[in-house]
């Protein structure tokens, strides 16, 4: 049996003001955006986009007409929170740059017009990656660290995403609530304690990751 060769790996954290794209709109509307669960197709990639901020609805209206956005599905939205499903062009994106150098995106948070990334990448690719990255905008911060220090992004289950979508769409997070937990549980065909379990786990995963990677920067 062939042994597995050791491959040097580094965790890279960087903040960048992207010259192109929609990330600058987060500053305009006071939005924090977190892309999750990216999947790649030929010439494009799809992902969920979680939004927090002062005016998510106007932010969504602005970015949906951007050239880079091929398709947008609004899964749920209130004035201060939203979940989108986006299909995005590959060209001139940092996502595509990371993929080209066989890196892995561990987290990405966008706020105040600044993109904050954490990626894992082979040590041999670091020099070329950083050279190319500088062509995408102004790099504000760039550090490398051991893989043991990374905090992974949350991975929501299908049931958690489904519960969040309906809760948002039906006004469960509004004040006052426009729907009761009991009514949502009936729509999903589950018991109310099970619904609360899924919602709280999803909220906890998102908030813990947000607080650890954004507030404590």
N, C-alpha and C. Protein backbone atom coordinates (compact mmCIF):
# COMPACT_ATOMS: atom_id res chain seq x y z
N UNK A 1 0.85 -1.19 0.00
CA UNK A 1 0.00 0.00 0.00
C UNK A 1 0.89 1.25 0.00
N UNK A 2 0.60 2.20 -0.90
CA UNK A 2 1.38 3.42 -0.98
C UNK A 2 1.08 4.31 0.22
N UNK A 3 2.14 4.89 0.79
CA UNK A 3 1.94 5.80 1.92
C UNK A 3 1.47 7.16 1.42
N UNK A 4 0.74 7.86 2.26
CA UNK A 4 0.26 9.20 1.92
C UNK A 4 1.38 10.19 2.19
N UNK A 5 1.76 10.94 1.15
CA UNK A 5 2.84 11.91 1.28
C UNK A 5 2.35 13.14 2.04
N UNK A 6 3.21 13.67 2.90
CA UNK A 6 2.88 14.88 3.64
C UNK A 6 2.91 16.09 2.70
N UNK A 7 1.87 16.92 2.76
CA UNK A 7 1.79 18.11 1.93
C UNK A 7 1.74 19.34 2.83
N UNK A 8 2.76 20.22 2.76
CA UNK A 8 2.76 21.42 3.61
C UNK A 8 1.54 22.29 3.31
N UNK A 9 0.85 22.70 4.36
CA UNK A 9 -0.38 23.47 4.21
C UNK A 9 -0.33 24.67 5.14
N UNK A 10 -0.84 25.80 4.67
CA UNK A 10 -0.91 26.99 5.51
C UNK A 10 -2.33 27.55 5.48
N UNK A 11 -2.70 28.18 6.59
CA UNK A 11 -3.96 28.89 6.66
C UNK A 11 -3.66 30.37 6.44
N UNK A 12 -4.31 30.96 5.45
CA UNK A 12 -4.06 32.35 5.10
C UNK A 12 -5.30 33.19 5.42
N UNK A 13 -5.10 34.25 6.17
CA UNK A 13 -6.15 35.24 6.44
C UNK A 13 -5.80 36.53 5.71
N UNK A 14 -6.74 37.06 4.97
CA UNK A 14 -6.48 38.35 4.33
C UNK A 14 -7.76 39.17 4.23
N UNK A 15 -7.57 40.49 4.26
CA UNK A 15 -8.66 41.45 4.06
C UNK A 15 -8.34 42.25 2.82
N UNK A 16 -9.35 42.48 1.99
CA UNK A 16 -9.11 43.14 0.71
C UNK A 16 -10.30 44.00 0.32
N UNK A 17 -10.02 45.16 -0.27
CA UNK A 17 -11.06 45.98 -0.89
C UNK A 17 -11.08 45.60 -2.36
N UNK A 18 -12.09 44.85 -2.75
CA UNK A 18 -12.19 44.30 -4.10
C UNK A 18 -12.56 45.42 -5.08
N UNK A 19 -11.80 45.53 -6.17
CA UNK A 19 -12.04 46.61 -7.13
C UNK A 19 -13.36 46.45 -7.86
N UNK A 20 -13.76 45.21 -8.14
CA UNK A 20 -14.99 44.96 -8.88
C UNK A 20 -15.95 44.16 -8.01
N UNK A 21 -17.20 44.07 -8.46
CA UNK A 21 -18.16 43.25 -7.74
C UNK A 21 -19.11 44.08 -6.89
N UNK A 22 -19.79 43.39 -5.99
CA UNK A 22 -20.85 44.02 -5.20
C UNK A 22 -20.49 44.23 -3.74
N UNK A 23 -19.30 43.85 -3.33
CA UNK A 23 -18.94 43.92 -1.90
C UNK A 23 -18.95 45.35 -1.36
N UNK A 24 -18.70 46.35 -2.23
CA UNK A 24 -18.70 47.74 -1.77
C UNK A 24 -20.09 48.17 -1.29
N UNK A 25 -21.14 47.49 -1.77
CA UNK A 25 -22.50 47.84 -1.37
C UNK A 25 -22.77 47.54 0.11
N UNK A 26 -21.97 46.66 0.71
CA UNK A 26 -22.17 46.37 2.14
C UNK A 26 -21.89 47.60 2.99
N UNK A 27 -20.99 48.45 2.54
CA UNK A 27 -20.69 49.69 3.26
C UNK A 27 -21.84 50.68 3.12
N UNK A 28 -22.39 50.74 1.94
CA UNK A 28 -23.49 51.68 1.64
C UNK A 28 -24.72 51.43 2.50
N UNK A 29 -25.02 50.13 2.74
CA UNK A 29 -26.25 49.79 3.45
C UNK A 29 -26.02 49.20 4.85
N UNK A 30 -24.79 49.26 5.34
CA UNK A 30 -24.50 48.75 6.68
C UNK A 30 -24.77 47.27 6.82
N UNK A 31 -24.30 46.49 5.85
CA UNK A 31 -24.60 45.06 5.77
C UNK A 31 -23.37 44.22 6.12
N UNK A 32 -23.60 43.12 6.82
CA UNK A 32 -22.60 42.06 6.97
C UNK A 32 -23.11 40.88 6.15
N UNK A 33 -22.28 40.38 5.24
CA UNK A 33 -22.67 39.28 4.35
C UNK A 33 -21.72 38.11 4.53
N UNK A 34 -22.30 36.91 4.57
CA UNK A 34 -21.49 35.70 4.71
C UNK A 34 -21.89 34.66 3.67
N UNK A 35 -21.04 34.43 2.66
CA UNK A 35 -21.32 33.36 1.69
C UNK A 35 -21.03 31.99 2.31
N UNK A 36 -21.90 31.00 2.01
CA UNK A 36 -21.75 29.65 2.56
C UNK A 36 -22.03 28.60 1.49
N UNK A 37 -21.39 27.44 1.66
CA UNK A 37 -21.69 26.24 0.86
C UNK A 37 -21.57 26.49 -0.65
N UNK A 38 -20.41 26.94 -1.08
CA UNK A 38 -20.20 27.20 -2.51
C UNK A 38 -20.06 25.90 -3.29
N UNK A 39 -20.72 25.87 -4.45
CA UNK A 39 -20.60 24.75 -5.39
C UNK A 39 -20.25 25.31 -6.75
N UNK A 40 -19.44 24.57 -7.50
CA UNK A 40 -18.88 25.09 -8.74
C UNK A 40 -19.48 24.41 -9.96
N UNK A 41 -19.81 25.24 -10.95
CA UNK A 41 -20.23 24.77 -12.26
C UNK A 41 -19.29 25.39 -13.29
N UNK A 42 -19.43 24.99 -14.53
CA UNK A 42 -18.56 25.53 -15.57
C UNK A 42 -18.85 27.02 -15.76
N UNK A 43 -17.85 27.86 -15.46
CA UNK A 43 -18.00 29.29 -15.67
C UNK A 43 -18.76 30.03 -14.59
N UNK A 44 -19.21 29.32 -13.54
CA UNK A 44 -20.00 29.97 -12.49
C UNK A 44 -19.90 29.17 -11.19
N UNK A 45 -20.39 29.77 -10.12
CA UNK A 45 -20.50 29.06 -8.85
C UNK A 45 -21.77 29.54 -8.13
N UNK A 46 -22.31 28.67 -7.28
CA UNK A 46 -23.53 28.97 -6.54
C UNK A 46 -23.25 28.92 -5.05
N UNK A 47 -24.02 29.68 -4.27
CA UNK A 47 -23.81 29.69 -2.82
C UNK A 47 -25.00 30.33 -2.12
N UNK A 48 -25.12 30.05 -0.82
CA UNK A 48 -26.06 30.77 0.03
C UNK A 48 -25.38 32.05 0.52
N UNK A 49 -26.15 33.11 0.68
CA UNK A 49 -25.61 34.36 1.21
C UNK A 49 -26.48 34.79 2.40
N UNK A 50 -25.88 34.79 3.59
CA UNK A 50 -26.56 35.25 4.79
C UNK A 50 -26.28 36.73 4.98
N UNK A 51 -27.31 37.49 5.33
CA UNK A 51 -27.20 38.94 5.45
C UNK A 51 -27.70 39.42 6.81
N UNK A 52 -26.94 40.32 7.42
CA UNK A 52 -27.39 41.05 8.59
C UNK A 52 -27.16 42.52 8.32
N UNK A 53 -28.01 43.40 8.86
CA UNK A 53 -27.72 44.81 8.68
C UNK A 53 -28.92 45.70 8.84
N UNK A 54 -28.72 46.98 8.51
CA UNK A 54 -29.76 47.98 8.74
C UNK A 54 -30.81 47.99 7.64
N UNK A 55 -30.45 47.54 6.42
CA UNK A 55 -31.43 47.59 5.33
C UNK A 55 -31.12 46.50 4.29
N UNK A 56 -31.43 45.26 4.64
CA UNK A 56 -31.11 44.15 3.73
C UNK A 56 -31.93 44.21 2.45
N UNK A 57 -33.17 44.70 2.52
CA UNK A 57 -34.02 44.71 1.33
C UNK A 57 -33.47 45.62 0.24
N UNK A 58 -33.01 46.81 0.61
CA UNK A 58 -32.43 47.72 -0.38
C UNK A 58 -31.10 47.19 -0.90
N UNK A 59 -30.34 46.54 -0.03
CA UNK A 59 -29.08 45.92 -0.46
C UNK A 59 -29.36 44.87 -1.54
N UNK A 60 -30.36 44.03 -1.32
CA UNK A 60 -30.71 42.98 -2.28
C UNK A 60 -31.14 43.60 -3.61
N UNK A 61 -31.95 44.66 -3.55
CA UNK A 61 -32.41 45.32 -4.78
C UNK A 61 -31.22 45.84 -5.58
N UNK A 62 -30.21 46.36 -4.89
CA UNK A 62 -29.04 46.92 -5.57
C UNK A 62 -28.17 45.85 -6.22
N UNK A 63 -27.89 44.76 -5.51
CA UNK A 63 -26.92 43.79 -6.05
C UNK A 63 -27.53 42.87 -7.10
N UNK A 64 -28.86 42.73 -7.12
CA UNK A 64 -29.46 41.78 -8.07
C UNK A 64 -29.29 42.21 -9.52
N UNK A 65 -28.97 43.50 -9.75
CA UNK A 65 -28.78 43.98 -11.12
C UNK A 65 -27.31 44.01 -11.52
N UNK A 66 -26.41 43.57 -10.63
CA UNK A 66 -24.99 43.54 -10.95
C UNK A 66 -24.71 42.50 -12.04
N UNK A 67 -23.75 42.81 -12.91
CA UNK A 67 -23.43 41.92 -14.03
C UNK A 67 -22.94 40.56 -13.56
N UNK A 68 -22.28 40.51 -12.40
CA UNK A 68 -21.71 39.24 -11.93
C UNK A 68 -22.78 38.25 -11.46
N UNK A 69 -23.96 38.77 -11.10
CA UNK A 69 -25.03 37.92 -10.57
C UNK A 69 -25.84 37.34 -11.73
N UNK A 70 -25.76 36.03 -11.91
CA UNK A 70 -26.49 35.37 -12.99
C UNK A 70 -27.92 35.04 -12.57
N UNK A 71 -28.10 34.70 -11.31
CA UNK A 71 -29.44 34.36 -10.82
C UNK A 71 -29.49 34.58 -9.31
N UNK A 72 -30.64 35.04 -8.83
CA UNK A 72 -30.82 35.26 -7.40
C UNK A 72 -32.17 34.70 -6.96
N UNK A 73 -32.15 33.93 -5.88
CA UNK A 73 -33.38 33.44 -5.26
C UNK A 73 -33.40 33.94 -3.82
N UNK A 74 -34.42 34.70 -3.48
CA UNK A 74 -34.57 35.20 -2.12
C UNK A 74 -35.30 34.14 -1.31
N UNK A 75 -34.59 33.49 -0.42
CA UNK A 75 -35.17 32.41 0.38
C UNK A 75 -35.94 32.94 1.59
N UNK A 76 -35.57 34.12 2.06
CA UNK A 76 -36.25 34.74 3.18
C UNK A 76 -35.61 36.08 3.48
N UNK A 77 -36.42 37.06 3.85
CA UNK A 77 -35.85 38.38 4.12
C UNK A 77 -36.75 39.18 5.06
N UNK A 78 -36.12 39.88 5.99
CA UNK A 78 -36.77 40.92 6.78
C UNK A 78 -35.92 42.17 6.57
N UNK A 79 -36.25 43.25 7.26
CA UNK A 79 -35.47 44.48 7.07
C UNK A 79 -34.01 44.30 7.49
N UNK A 80 -33.78 43.46 8.51
CA UNK A 80 -32.43 43.37 9.07
C UNK A 80 -31.77 42.01 8.91
N UNK A 81 -32.42 41.08 8.21
CA UNK A 81 -31.82 39.76 8.02
C UNK A 81 -32.34 39.15 6.73
N UNK A 82 -31.49 38.38 6.06
CA UNK A 82 -31.93 37.74 4.83
C UNK A 82 -31.08 36.53 4.48
N UNK A 83 -31.67 35.64 3.69
CA UNK A 83 -30.95 34.49 3.14
C UNK A 83 -31.22 34.44 1.65
N UNK A 84 -30.15 34.43 0.85
CA UNK A 84 -30.26 34.36 -0.60
C UNK A 84 -29.58 33.11 -1.12
N UNK A 85 -29.98 32.71 -2.32
CA UNK A 85 -29.25 31.69 -3.06
C UNK A 85 -28.82 32.36 -4.36
N UNK A 86 -27.51 32.44 -4.59
CA UNK A 86 -26.97 33.16 -5.75
C UNK A 86 -26.22 32.24 -6.69
N UNK A 87 -26.34 32.55 -7.99
CA UNK A 87 -25.44 31.98 -9.00
C UNK A 87 -24.60 33.13 -9.52
N UNK A 88 -23.29 32.96 -9.50
CA UNK A 88 -22.34 34.06 -9.70
C UNK A 88 -21.32 33.69 -10.78
N UNK A 89 -20.97 34.65 -11.62
CA UNK A 89 -19.93 34.41 -12.62
C UNK A 89 -18.59 34.11 -11.96
N UNK A 90 -17.79 33.28 -12.61
CA UNK A 90 -16.46 32.95 -12.11
C UNK A 90 -15.44 34.05 -12.35
N UNK A 91 -15.59 34.76 -13.47
CA UNK A 91 -14.56 35.69 -13.92
C UNK A 91 -14.28 36.80 -12.91
N UNK A 92 -13.00 37.10 -12.75
CA UNK A 92 -12.53 38.18 -11.88
C UNK A 92 -13.05 38.06 -10.44
N UNK A 93 -13.07 36.83 -9.93
CA UNK A 93 -13.49 36.62 -8.54
C UNK A 93 -12.35 35.99 -7.75
N UNK A 94 -12.27 36.32 -6.48
CA UNK A 94 -11.28 35.71 -5.61
C UNK A 94 -11.60 34.24 -5.41
N UNK A 95 -12.88 33.91 -5.42
CA UNK A 95 -13.29 32.50 -5.33
C UNK A 95 -12.63 31.68 -6.42
N UNK A 96 -12.64 32.18 -7.65
CA UNK A 96 -12.02 31.47 -8.76
C UNK A 96 -10.51 31.42 -8.62
N UNK A 97 -9.91 32.49 -8.08
CA UNK A 97 -8.46 32.52 -7.86
C UNK A 97 -8.05 31.44 -6.85
N UNK A 98 -8.79 31.33 -5.76
CA UNK A 98 -8.50 30.30 -4.75
C UNK A 98 -8.62 28.92 -5.37
N UNK A 99 -9.66 28.71 -6.16
CA UNK A 99 -9.88 27.41 -6.80
C UNK A 99 -8.74 27.09 -7.78
N UNK A 100 -8.28 28.11 -8.51
CA UNK A 100 -7.22 27.91 -9.51
C UNK A 100 -5.93 27.39 -8.86
N UNK A 101 -5.65 27.85 -7.65
CA UNK A 101 -4.45 27.41 -6.94
C UNK A 101 -4.74 26.29 -5.95
N UNK A 102 -5.88 25.62 -6.17
CA UNK A 102 -6.28 24.43 -5.40
C UNK A 102 -6.37 24.71 -3.90
N UNK A 103 -6.80 25.92 -3.58
CA UNK A 103 -7.04 26.28 -2.19
C UNK A 103 -8.46 25.92 -1.78
N UNK A 104 -8.72 26.01 -0.49
CA UNK A 104 -10.05 25.72 0.06
C UNK A 104 -10.51 26.93 0.88
N UNK A 105 -11.70 27.42 0.59
CA UNK A 105 -12.25 28.55 1.34
C UNK A 105 -12.81 28.04 2.67
N UNK A 106 -12.28 28.55 3.77
CA UNK A 106 -12.74 28.15 5.10
C UNK A 106 -13.77 29.13 5.66
N UNK A 107 -13.61 30.40 5.34
CA UNK A 107 -14.61 31.39 5.74
C UNK A 107 -14.44 32.64 4.89
N UNK A 108 -15.55 33.37 4.78
CA UNK A 108 -15.55 34.62 4.02
C UNK A 108 -16.65 35.50 4.61
N UNK A 109 -16.27 36.69 5.06
CA UNK A 109 -17.24 37.64 5.60
C UNK A 109 -16.98 39.01 4.97
N UNK A 110 -18.05 39.66 4.57
CA UNK A 110 -17.95 40.95 3.87
C UNK A 110 -18.71 42.00 4.67
N UNK A 111 -18.04 43.10 4.99
CA UNK A 111 -18.69 44.21 5.69
C UNK A 111 -17.89 45.48 5.48
N UNK A 112 -18.56 46.62 5.56
CA UNK A 112 -17.90 47.92 5.37
C UNK A 112 -17.12 47.98 4.07
N UNK A 113 -17.58 47.23 3.06
CA UNK A 113 -16.90 47.21 1.77
C UNK A 113 -15.62 46.41 1.75
N UNK A 114 -15.34 45.67 2.82
CA UNK A 114 -14.10 44.90 2.94
C UNK A 114 -14.41 43.41 2.98
N UNK A 115 -13.68 42.63 2.20
CA UNK A 115 -13.83 41.18 2.20
C UNK A 115 -12.76 40.57 3.11
N UNK A 116 -13.19 39.74 4.06
CA UNK A 116 -12.27 39.07 4.98
C UNK A 116 -12.33 37.57 4.71
N UNK A 117 -11.21 37.02 4.29
CA UNK A 117 -11.14 35.62 3.88
C UNK A 117 -10.22 34.81 4.79
N UNK A 118 -10.56 33.54 4.95
CA UNK A 118 -9.65 32.55 5.52
C UNK A 118 -9.64 31.36 4.57
N UNK A 119 -8.45 31.00 4.08
CA UNK A 119 -8.33 29.89 3.14
C UNK A 119 -7.22 28.94 3.58
N UNK A 120 -7.29 27.71 3.12
CA UNK A 120 -6.20 26.74 3.29
C UNK A 120 -5.59 26.53 1.91
N UNK A 121 -4.26 26.55 1.84
CA UNK A 121 -3.60 26.45 0.54
C UNK A 121 -2.23 25.79 0.68
N UNK A 122 -1.83 25.07 -0.34
CA UNK A 122 -0.52 24.43 -0.37
C UNK A 122 0.58 25.48 -0.30
N UNK A 123 1.58 25.22 0.52
CA UNK A 123 2.68 26.18 0.70
C UNK A 123 3.35 26.54 -0.62
N UNK A 124 3.45 25.59 -1.53
CA UNK A 124 4.12 25.84 -2.81
C UNK A 124 3.38 26.87 -3.66
N UNK A 125 2.09 27.04 -3.42
CA UNK A 125 1.28 27.96 -4.24
C UNK A 125 1.19 29.36 -3.65
N UNK A 126 1.71 29.55 -2.43
CA UNK A 126 1.48 30.80 -1.70
C UNK A 126 2.02 32.03 -2.43
N UNK A 127 3.25 31.96 -2.92
CA UNK A 127 3.87 33.13 -3.53
C UNK A 127 3.08 33.60 -4.75
N UNK A 128 2.76 32.67 -5.64
CA UNK A 128 2.01 33.04 -6.85
C UNK A 128 0.60 33.51 -6.50
N UNK A 129 -0.01 32.85 -5.52
CA UNK A 129 -1.36 33.26 -5.12
C UNK A 129 -1.37 34.70 -4.63
N UNK A 130 -0.42 35.05 -3.77
CA UNK A 130 -0.39 36.40 -3.22
C UNK A 130 -0.12 37.44 -4.31
N UNK A 131 0.75 37.10 -5.26
CA UNK A 131 1.03 38.02 -6.37
C UNK A 131 -0.24 38.29 -7.17
N UNK A 132 -0.99 37.24 -7.47
CA UNK A 132 -2.23 37.39 -8.24
C UNK A 132 -3.29 38.13 -7.42
N UNK A 133 -3.35 37.84 -6.13
CA UNK A 133 -4.36 38.46 -5.27
C UNK A 133 -4.25 39.98 -5.29
N UNK A 134 -3.04 40.49 -5.34
CA UNK A 134 -2.83 41.94 -5.32
C UNK A 134 -3.43 42.63 -6.54
N UNK A 135 -3.70 41.86 -7.60
CA UNK A 135 -4.30 42.43 -8.81
C UNK A 135 -5.81 42.64 -8.66
N UNK A 136 -6.40 42.07 -7.61
CA UNK A 136 -7.85 42.14 -7.43
C UNK A 136 -8.30 43.33 -6.59
N UNK A 137 -7.36 44.01 -5.96
CA UNK A 137 -7.73 45.16 -5.15
C UNK A 137 -6.66 45.49 -4.13
N UNK A 138 -7.01 46.32 -3.18
CA UNK A 138 -6.06 46.75 -2.14
C UNK A 138 -6.09 45.77 -0.97
N UNK A 139 -4.96 45.11 -0.73
CA UNK A 139 -4.85 44.17 0.38
C UNK A 139 -4.58 44.95 1.66
N UNK A 140 -5.50 44.88 2.61
CA UNK A 140 -5.36 45.63 3.87
C UNK A 140 -4.61 44.84 4.93
N UNK A 141 -4.75 43.51 4.87
CA UNK A 141 -4.11 42.66 5.87
C UNK A 141 -3.86 41.28 5.26
N UNK A 142 -2.73 40.67 5.60
CA UNK A 142 -2.39 39.35 5.07
C UNK A 142 -1.53 38.63 6.09
N UNK A 143 -2.01 37.49 6.59
CA UNK A 143 -1.23 36.71 7.55
C UNK A 143 -1.35 35.22 7.22
N UNK A 144 -0.34 34.47 7.64
CA UNK A 144 -0.34 33.02 7.48
C UNK A 144 -0.19 32.38 8.86
N UNK A 145 -0.83 31.21 9.05
CA UNK A 145 -0.74 30.55 10.34
C UNK A 145 -0.87 29.04 10.18
N UNK A 146 -0.71 28.34 11.28
CA UNK A 146 -0.81 26.89 11.30
C UNK A 146 -2.25 26.45 11.09
N UNK A 147 -2.48 25.32 10.41
CA UNK A 147 -3.84 24.80 10.22
C UNK A 147 -4.56 24.51 11.53
N UNK A 148 -3.82 24.29 12.61
CA UNK A 148 -4.45 23.96 13.89
C UNK A 148 -5.23 25.12 14.51
N UNK A 149 -5.03 26.34 13.98
CA UNK A 149 -5.64 27.52 14.60
C UNK A 149 -6.97 27.94 13.97
N UNK A 150 -7.38 27.30 12.90
CA UNK A 150 -8.55 27.76 12.15
C UNK A 150 -9.86 27.42 12.86
N UNK A 151 -10.84 28.32 12.75
CA UNK A 151 -12.20 28.08 13.23
C UNK A 151 -13.08 27.86 12.00
N UNK A 152 -13.60 26.65 11.79
CA UNK A 152 -14.34 26.35 10.56
C UNK A 152 -15.70 27.04 10.53
N UNK A 153 -16.21 27.33 9.32
CA UNK A 153 -17.54 27.93 9.19
C UNK A 153 -18.62 26.92 9.51
N UNK A 154 -19.82 27.39 9.87
CA UNK A 154 -20.90 26.46 10.18
C UNK A 154 -21.41 25.76 8.93
N UNK A 155 -21.81 24.52 9.07
CA UNK A 155 -22.45 23.79 7.99
C UNK A 155 -23.87 23.48 8.44
N UNK A 156 -24.84 24.15 7.83
CA UNK A 156 -26.23 23.96 8.21
C UNK A 156 -26.81 22.73 7.53
N UNK A 157 -27.62 21.99 8.26
CA UNK A 157 -28.29 20.83 7.68
C UNK A 157 -29.45 21.31 6.81
N UNK A 158 -29.93 20.44 5.92
CA UNK A 158 -31.07 20.80 5.07
C UNK A 158 -32.28 21.18 5.91
N UNK A 159 -32.50 20.47 7.02
CA UNK A 159 -33.64 20.74 7.89
C UNK A 159 -33.50 22.11 8.54
N UNK A 160 -32.28 22.48 8.93
CA UNK A 160 -32.06 23.79 9.54
C UNK A 160 -32.32 24.91 8.54
N UNK A 161 -31.82 24.74 7.31
CA UNK A 161 -32.04 25.75 6.26
C UNK A 161 -33.53 25.88 5.97
N UNK A 162 -34.22 24.75 5.87
CA UNK A 162 -35.66 24.76 5.59
C UNK A 162 -36.43 25.49 6.69
N UNK A 163 -36.09 25.21 7.94
CA UNK A 163 -36.75 25.86 9.07
C UNK A 163 -36.49 27.36 9.08
N UNK A 164 -35.24 27.77 8.80
CA UNK A 164 -34.91 29.19 8.75
C UNK A 164 -35.66 29.90 7.63
N UNK A 165 -35.74 29.27 6.45
CA UNK A 165 -36.43 29.87 5.31
C UNK A 165 -37.88 30.18 5.65
N UNK A 166 -38.59 29.20 6.18
CA UNK A 166 -40.01 29.39 6.49
C UNK A 166 -40.19 30.39 7.62
N UNK A 167 -39.34 30.30 8.64
CA UNK A 167 -39.44 31.23 9.76
C UNK A 167 -39.26 32.68 9.30
N UNK A 168 -38.32 32.91 8.39
CA UNK A 168 -38.09 34.25 7.86
C UNK A 168 -39.26 34.71 7.00
N UNK A 169 -39.67 33.86 6.07
CA UNK A 169 -40.74 34.22 5.14
C UNK A 169 -42.06 34.49 5.84
N UNK A 170 -42.33 33.76 6.90
CA UNK A 170 -43.62 33.87 7.60
C UNK A 170 -43.61 34.89 8.75
N UNK A 171 -42.46 35.50 9.00
CA UNK A 171 -42.41 36.56 10.02
C UNK A 171 -42.18 36.09 11.44
N UNK A 172 -41.56 34.94 11.60
CA UNK A 172 -41.29 34.42 12.95
C UNK A 172 -40.29 35.29 13.70
N UNK A 173 -39.35 35.91 12.96
CA UNK A 173 -38.32 36.74 13.59
C UNK A 173 -38.73 38.20 13.70
N UNK A 174 -39.92 38.55 13.19
CA UNK A 174 -40.39 39.93 13.28
C UNK A 174 -40.85 40.24 14.71
N UNK A 175 -40.97 41.53 15.02
CA UNK A 175 -41.53 41.92 16.31
C UNK A 175 -42.67 42.90 16.07
N UNK A 176 -43.89 42.56 16.47
CA UNK A 176 -44.28 41.26 17.06
C UNK A 176 -44.27 40.14 16.02
N UNK A 177 -44.20 38.90 16.46
CA UNK A 177 -44.18 37.75 15.55
C UNK A 177 -45.46 37.72 14.73
N UNK A 178 -45.31 37.38 13.43
CA UNK A 178 -46.49 37.23 12.57
C UNK A 178 -46.94 35.78 12.46
N UNK A 179 -46.15 34.87 13.04
CA UNK A 179 -46.52 33.46 13.02
C UNK A 179 -45.95 32.78 14.27
N UNK A 180 -46.65 31.80 14.77
CA UNK A 180 -46.19 31.08 15.96
C UNK A 180 -45.35 29.87 15.56
N UNK A 181 -44.50 29.46 16.47
CA UNK A 181 -43.69 28.27 16.22
C UNK A 181 -44.54 27.05 15.94
N UNK A 182 -45.69 26.95 16.63
CA UNK A 182 -46.58 25.81 16.43
C UNK A 182 -47.07 25.73 14.98
N UNK A 183 -47.34 26.92 14.38
CA UNK A 183 -47.84 26.94 13.00
C UNK A 183 -46.74 26.56 12.00
N UNK A 184 -45.51 27.00 12.27
CA UNK A 184 -44.39 26.62 11.40
C UNK A 184 -44.15 25.12 11.48
N UNK A 185 -44.22 24.57 12.67
CA UNK A 185 -43.98 23.14 12.84
C UNK A 185 -45.00 22.31 12.06
N UNK A 186 -46.24 22.80 11.98
CA UNK A 186 -47.25 22.10 11.19
C UNK A 186 -46.91 22.14 9.70
N UNK A 187 -46.41 23.29 9.23
CA UNK A 187 -46.03 23.41 7.82
C UNK A 187 -44.89 22.45 7.47
N UNK A 188 -44.00 22.22 8.42
CA UNK A 188 -42.84 21.35 8.19
C UNK A 188 -43.12 19.90 8.55
N UNK A 189 -44.26 19.64 9.15
CA UNK A 189 -44.60 18.27 9.54
C UNK A 189 -43.73 17.75 10.66
N UNK A 190 -43.42 18.62 11.63
CA UNK A 190 -42.61 18.19 12.77
C UNK A 190 -43.21 18.76 14.05
N UNK A 191 -42.78 18.22 15.18
CA UNK A 191 -43.25 18.72 16.46
C UNK A 191 -42.57 20.06 16.78
N UNK A 192 -43.27 20.89 17.54
CA UNK A 192 -42.75 22.22 17.86
C UNK A 192 -41.39 22.17 18.57
N UNK A 193 -41.16 21.30 19.55
CA UNK A 193 -39.83 21.23 20.17
C UNK A 193 -38.73 20.89 19.16
N UNK A 194 -39.07 20.07 18.15
CA UNK A 194 -38.08 19.72 17.12
C UNK A 194 -37.75 20.94 16.27
N UNK A 195 -38.78 21.72 15.93
CA UNK A 195 -38.56 22.96 15.17
C UNK A 195 -37.65 23.91 15.95
N UNK A 196 -37.96 24.13 17.21
CA UNK A 196 -37.15 25.03 18.04
C UNK A 196 -35.71 24.53 18.13
N UNK A 197 -35.55 23.22 18.21
CA UNK A 197 -34.21 22.61 18.25
C UNK A 197 -33.42 22.98 16.99
N UNK A 198 -34.05 22.81 15.81
CA UNK A 198 -33.36 23.12 14.55
C UNK A 198 -33.05 24.61 14.43
N UNK A 199 -34.01 25.46 14.79
CA UNK A 199 -33.80 26.90 14.69
C UNK A 199 -32.69 27.37 15.63
N UNK A 200 -32.70 26.89 16.85
CA UNK A 200 -31.69 27.34 17.82
C UNK A 200 -30.30 26.85 17.45
N UNK A 201 -30.20 25.63 16.94
CA UNK A 201 -28.89 25.13 16.52
C UNK A 201 -28.35 25.92 15.34
N UNK A 202 -29.24 26.26 14.39
CA UNK A 202 -28.81 27.05 13.23
C UNK A 202 -28.38 28.44 13.68
N UNK A 203 -29.18 29.08 14.52
CA UNK A 203 -28.84 30.41 15.02
C UNK A 203 -27.53 30.40 15.79
N UNK A 204 -27.35 29.38 16.64
CA UNK A 204 -26.13 29.28 17.45
C UNK A 204 -24.90 29.13 16.55
N UNK A 205 -25.00 28.26 15.53
CA UNK A 205 -23.87 28.03 14.63
C UNK A 205 -23.48 29.31 13.90
N UNK A 206 -24.48 30.02 13.41
CA UNK A 206 -24.22 31.25 12.65
C UNK A 206 -23.65 32.33 13.56
N UNK A 207 -24.26 32.53 14.72
CA UNK A 207 -23.83 33.59 15.62
C UNK A 207 -22.45 33.33 16.22
N UNK A 208 -22.16 32.08 16.60
CA UNK A 208 -20.84 31.77 17.16
C UNK A 208 -19.75 32.04 16.14
N UNK A 209 -19.99 31.60 14.90
CA UNK A 209 -18.99 31.83 13.86
C UNK A 209 -18.82 33.32 13.59
N UNK A 210 -19.93 34.05 13.53
CA UNK A 210 -19.88 35.49 13.28
C UNK A 210 -19.13 36.22 14.39
N UNK A 211 -19.44 35.90 15.64
CA UNK A 211 -18.79 36.57 16.76
C UNK A 211 -17.31 36.25 16.84
N UNK A 212 -16.95 34.98 16.61
CA UNK A 212 -15.55 34.57 16.70
C UNK A 212 -14.71 35.16 15.58
N UNK A 213 -15.30 35.27 14.38
CA UNK A 213 -14.51 35.67 13.22
C UNK A 213 -14.68 37.12 12.81
N UNK A 214 -15.69 37.79 13.36
CA UNK A 214 -15.91 39.17 12.94
C UNK A 214 -15.82 40.15 14.10
N UNK A 215 -16.64 39.97 15.11
CA UNK A 215 -16.67 40.92 16.23
C UNK A 215 -15.35 40.97 16.96
N UNK A 216 -14.69 39.81 17.12
CA UNK A 216 -13.45 39.76 17.91
C UNK A 216 -12.20 40.04 17.09
N UNK A 217 -12.35 40.50 15.85
CA UNK A 217 -11.17 40.79 15.03
C UNK A 217 -10.33 41.89 15.68
